[in-house]
C-alpha atoms as a PDB file:
ATOM      1  CA  MET A   1      25.512  19.841 -37.065  1.00  0.00           C
ATOM      2  CA  ILE A   2      23.542  19.805 -33.795  1.00  0.00           C
ATOM      3  CA  ARG A   3      22.566  16.189 -34.425  1.00  0.00           C
ATOM      4  CA  LYS A   4      26.263  15.260 -34.685  1.00  0.00           C
ATOM      5  CA  TYR A   5      27.001  16.823 -31.293  1.00  0.00           C
ATOM      6  CA  LEU A   6      23.910  15.239 -29.793  1.00  0.00           C
ATOM      7  CA  GLU A   7      25.082  11.801 -30.946  1.00  0.00           C
ATOM      8  CA  ILE A   8      28.540  12.428 -29.458  1.00  0.00           C
ATOM      9  CA  ILE A   9      27.059  13.584 -26.141  1.00  0.00           C
ATOM     10  CA  THR A  10      24.717  10.578 -26.063  1.00  0.00           C
ATOM     11  CA  CYS A  11      27.608   8.205 -26.706  1.00  0.00           C
ATOM     12  CA  LEU A  12      29.719   9.863 -24.005  1.00  0.00           C
ATOM     13  CA  PHE A  13      26.846   9.702 -21.502  1.00  0.00           C
ATOM     14  CA  ALA A  14      26.257   6.015 -22.293  1.00  0.00           C
ATOM     15  CA  SER A  15      29.979   5.293 -21.916  1.00  0.00           C
ATOM     16  CA  PHE A  16      30.046   7.118 -18.589  1.00  0.00           C
ATOM     17  CA  PHE A  17      27.042   5.101 -17.398  1.00  0.00           C
ATOM     18  CA  ILE A  18      28.707   1.840 -18.470  1.00  0.00           C
ATOM     19  CA  GLY A  19      31.802   2.844 -16.500  1.00  0.00           C
ATOM     20  CA  ILE A  20      29.674   3.494 -13.416  1.00  0.00           C
ATOM     21  CA  VAL A  21      27.996   0.093 -13.740  1.00  0.00           C
ATOM     22  CA  ILE A  22      31.385  -1.592 -14.051  1.00  0.00           C
ATOM     23  CA  GLY A  23      32.598   0.335 -10.992  1.00  0.00           C
ATOM     24  CA  PHE A  24      29.579  -0.869  -9.021  1.00  0.00           C
ATOM     25  CA  ILE A  25      30.297  -4.447 -10.066  1.00  0.00           C
ATOM     26  CA  GLU A  26      33.920  -4.060  -8.980  1.00  0.00           C
ATOM     27  CA  VAL A  27      32.967  -2.594  -5.593  1.00  0.00           C
ATOM     28  CA  THR A  28      30.304  -5.262  -5.100  1.00  0.00           C
ATOM     29  CA  ILE A  29      32.687  -8.134  -5.822  1.00  0.00           C
ATOM     30  CA  ILE A  30      35.421  -6.720  -3.580  1.00  0.00           C
ATOM     31  CA  ASN A  31      33.013  -6.097  -0.687  1.00  0.00           C
ATOM     32  CA  TYR A  32      30.572  -8.962  -1.310  1.00  0.00           C
ATOM     33  CA  ARG A  33      28.592 -10.523   1.526  1.00  0.00           C
ATOM     34  CA  PRO A  34      25.855 -13.167   1.068  1.00  0.00           C
ATOM     35  CA  GLU A  35      23.055 -10.850   2.267  1.00  0.00           C
ATOM     36  CA  TYR A  36      23.764  -8.576  -0.716  1.00  0.00           C
ATOM     37  CA  THR A  37      22.182 -11.177  -2.999  1.00  0.00           C
ATOM     38  CA  LEU A  38      18.866 -10.827  -1.175  1.00  0.00           C
ATOM     39  CA  ILE A  39      19.070  -7.036  -1.275  1.00  0.00           C
ATOM     40  CA  ILE A  40      19.744  -7.038  -5.011  1.00  0.00           C
ATOM     41  CA  PHE A  41      16.934  -9.528  -5.633  1.00  0.00           C
ATOM     42  CA  ARG A  42      14.539  -7.474  -3.475  1.00  0.00           C
ATOM     43  CA  ASP A  43      15.476  -4.300  -5.319  1.00  0.00           C
ATOM     44  CA  GLY A  44      14.972  -6.098  -8.637  1.00  0.00           C
ATOM     45  CA  LEU A  45      11.449  -7.060  -7.595  1.00  0.00           C
ATOM     46  CA  ILE A  46      10.757  -3.489  -6.480  1.00  0.00           C
ATOM     47  CA  GLY A  47      11.997  -2.254  -9.857  1.00  0.00           C
ATOM     48  CA  LEU A  48       9.771  -4.773 -11.610  1.00  0.00           C
ATOM     49  CA  PHE A  49       6.785  -3.543  -9.623  1.00  0.00           C
ATOM     50  CA  ILE A  50       7.619   0.116 -10.280  1.00  0.00           C
ATOM     51  CA  GLY A  51       7.977  -0.559 -14.002  1.00  0.00           C
ATOM     52  CA  ALA A  52       4.689  -2.445 -14.241  1.00  0.00           C
ATOM     53  CA  VAL A  53       2.676   0.126 -12.292  1.00  0.00           C
ATOM     54  CA  SER A  54       4.299   3.099 -14.050  1.00  0.00           C
ATOM     55  CA  ARG A  55       3.766   1.682 -17.524  1.00  0.00           C
ATOM     56  CA  TYR A  56       0.168   0.733 -16.789  1.00  0.00           C
ATOM     57  CA  LEU A  57      -0.683   4.184 -15.403  1.00  0.00           C
ATOM     58  CA  PHE A  58       1.161   5.962 -18.229  1.00  0.00           C
ATOM     59  CA  ILE A  59      -0.798   4.030 -20.860  1.00  0.00           C
ATOM     60  CA  LEU A  60      -4.074   4.441 -18.972  1.00  0.00           C
ATOM     61  CA  ILE A  61      -3.706   8.222 -18.622  1.00  0.00           C
ATOM     62  CA  TYR A  62      -2.356   8.647 -22.156  1.00  0.00           C
ATOM     63  CA  ALA A  63      -5.283   6.662 -23.596  1.00  0.00           C
ATOM     64  CA  LYS A  64      -7.683   9.143 -21.988  1.00  0.00           C
ATOM     65  CA  LYS A  65      -6.069  11.848 -24.160  1.00  0.00           C
ATOM     66  CA  GLU A  66      -4.633  13.613 -21.137  1.00  0.00           C
ATOM     67  CA  ASN A  67      -1.601  15.844 -21.320  1.00  0.00           C
ATOM     68  CA  VAL A  68       1.577  13.792 -21.743  1.00  0.00           C
ATOM     69  CA  MET A  69       3.220  15.809 -18.969  1.00  0.00           C
ATOM     70  CA  LEU A  70       0.587  14.438 -16.575  1.00  0.00           C
ATOM     71  CA  CYS A  71       1.660  10.942 -17.641  1.00  0.00           C
ATOM     72  CA  PHE A  72       5.301  11.699 -16.866  1.00  0.00           C
ATOM     73  CA  ALA A  73       4.389  13.390 -13.574  1.00  0.00           C
ATOM     74  CA  THR A  74       2.433  10.283 -12.587  1.00  0.00           C
ATOM     75  CA  VAL A  75       5.416   8.060 -13.394  1.00  0.00           C
ATOM     76  CA  PHE A  76       7.660  10.374 -11.359  1.00  0.00           C
ATOM     77  CA  VAL A  77       5.369  10.154  -8.321  1.00  0.00           C
ATOM     78  CA  VAL A  78       4.963   6.360  -8.621  1.00  0.00           C
ATOM     79  CA  ILE A  79       8.744   5.906  -8.751  1.00  0.00           C
ATOM     80  CA  ALA A  80       9.196   8.138  -5.701  1.00  0.00           C
ATOM     81  CA  LEU A  81       6.467   6.523  -3.610  1.00  0.00           C
ATOM     82  CA  ILE A  82       7.406   2.933  -4.321  1.00  0.00           C
ATOM     83  CA  SER A  83      11.137   3.635  -3.978  1.00  0.00           C
ATOM     84  CA  LEU A  84      10.608   5.246  -0.595  1.00  0.00           C
ATOM     85  CA  ALA A  85       8.277   2.511   0.703  1.00  0.00           C
ATOM     86  CA  PRO A  86      11.059   0.083   1.768  1.00  0.00           C
ATOM     87  CA  PHE A  87      12.894   2.894   3.574  1.00  0.00           C
ATOM     88  CA  ALA A  88       9.709   3.806   5.438  1.00  0.00           C
ATOM     89  CA  TYR A  89       9.101   0.156   6.336  1.00  0.00           C
ATOM     90  CA  PHE A  90      12.623  -0.454   7.606  1.00  0.00           C
ATOM     91  CA  SER A  91      12.572   2.818   9.549  1.00  0.00           C
ATOM     92  CA  ILE A  92       9.439   1.615  11.365  1.00  0.00           C
ATOM     93  CA  VAL A  93      10.984  -1.808  11.994  1.00  0.00           C
ATOM     94  CA  GLY A  94      14.017  -0.142  13.494  1.00  0.00           C
ATOM     95  CA  SER A  95      16.900  -0.186  11.029  1.00  0.00           C
ATOM     96  CA  GLY A  96      16.954   3.374   9.710  1.00  0.00           C
ATOM     97  CA  TYR A  97      18.921   4.665   6.753  1.00  0.00           C
ATOM     98  CA  THR A  98      21.025   7.758   6.202  1.00  0.00           C
ATOM     99  CA  PRO A  99      19.549  10.607   4.180  1.00  0.00           C
ATOM    100  CA  VAL A 100      22.469  10.286   1.754  1.00  0.00           C
ATOM    101  CA  LEU A 101      21.527   6.675   0.950  1.00  0.00           C
ATOM    102  CA  ILE A 102      17.856   7.546   0.545  1.00  0.00           C
ATOM    103  CA  ALA A 103      18.709  10.498  -1.721  1.00  0.00           C
ATOM    104  CA  ALA A 104      21.109   8.408  -3.814  1.00  0.00           C
ATOM    105  CA  VAL A 105      18.540   5.657  -4.325  1.00  0.00           C
ATOM    106  CA  LEU A 106      15.771   8.134  -5.110  1.00  0.00           C
ATOM    107  CA  ILE A 107      17.853  10.164  -7.561  1.00  0.00           C
ATOM    108  CA  THR A 108      19.062   7.031  -9.333  1.00  0.00           C
ATOM    109  CA  ALA A 109      15.581   5.486  -9.498  1.00  0.00           C
ATOM    110  CA  GLU A 110      14.035   8.706 -10.801  1.00  0.00           C
ATOM    111  CA  THR A 111      16.752   9.306 -13.384  1.00  0.00           C
ATOM    112  CA  LEU A 112      16.717   5.775 -14.775  1.00  0.00           C
ATOM    113  CA  GLY A 113      12.948   5.352 -14.505  1.00  0.00           C
ATOM    114  CA  MET A 114      12.093   8.658 -16.145  1.00  0.00           C
ATOM    115  CA  GLY A 115      14.728   8.034 -18.814  1.00  0.00           C
ATOM    116  CA  LEU A 116      13.249   4.649 -19.618  1.00  0.00           C
ATOM    117  CA  SER A 117       9.760   6.138 -19.626  1.00  0.00           C
ATOM    118  CA  TYR A 118      10.809   8.858 -22.061  1.00  0.00           C
ATOM    119  CA  ILE A 119      12.615   6.427 -24.365  1.00  0.00           C
ATOM    120  CA  SER A 120       9.574   4.132 -24.373  1.00  0.00           C
ATOM    121  CA  TYR A 121       7.283   7.080 -25.103  1.00  0.00           C
ATOM    122  CA  ARG A 122       9.453   8.345 -27.991  1.00  0.00           C
ATOM    123  CA  HIS A 123       9.641   4.842 -29.459  1.00  0.00           C
ATOM    124  CA  SER A 124       5.852   4.520 -29.315  1.00  0.00           C
ATOM    125  CA  VAL A 125       5.383   7.924 -30.958  1.00  0.00           C
ATOM    126  CA  GLU A 126       7.751   6.954 -33.776  1.00  0.00           C
ATOM    127  CA  ILE A 127       5.928   3.668 -34.355  1.00  0.00           C
ATOM    128  CA  ASN A 128       2.551   5.440 -34.334  1.00  0.00           C
ATOM    129  CA  ASN A 129       3.832   7.979 -36.859  1.00  0.00           C
ATOM    130  CA  LEU A 130       5.093   5.209 -39.132  1.00  0.00           C
ATOM    131  CA  LEU A 131       1.771   3.391 -38.852  1.00  0.00           C
ATOM    132  CA  SER A 132      -0.181   6.578 -39.607  1.00  0.00           C
ATOM    133  CA  THR A 133       1.992   7.261 -42.648  1.00  0.00           C
ATOM    134  CA  LYS A 134       1.520   3.709 -43.901  1.00  0.00           C
ATOM    135  CA  LYS A 135      -2.233   3.920 -43.302  1.00  0.00           C
ATOM    136  CA  ARG A 136      -2.493   7.160 -45.305  1.00  0.00           C
ATOM    137  CA  SER A 137      -0.450   5.685 -48.133  1.00  0.00           C
ATOM    138  CA  LEU A 138      -2.682   2.617 -48.257  1.00  0.00           C
ATOM    139  CA  GLN A 139      -5.828   4.766 -48.294  1.00  0.00           C
ATOM    140  CA  LEU A 140      -4.499   6.754 -51.267  1.00  0.00           C
ATOM    141  CA  GLN A 141      -3.979   3.602 -53.343  1.00  0.00           C
END
């Protein structure tokens, strides 16, 4: 019964997220300026860097048999530090940002990054469990 509700809630959350993405696309197209392309590309590269560093550190810490919460805390800190780096740089250069923008970017980056990290972790655990089960079944034969 709980699983049924969990599936419904997950579907509703995913649908809500899709609606938000579509809304962002609509707003972007209506208000598009050429410099937005560079901003989006820059943010994509930052996301790529965050993902690579986070995944590497997660695997490195997890391989040392550390607590999995330490792995997630490390990912959280990496996302925060790298996400805030451009704001710090541009504040030094002279074009500051509003706290609302910084908070929105940070909350979004943390939510999506930690969500992806958790999904990746759960997927890896499931694969490891399947491999362990298969290994035990092969050893019994």
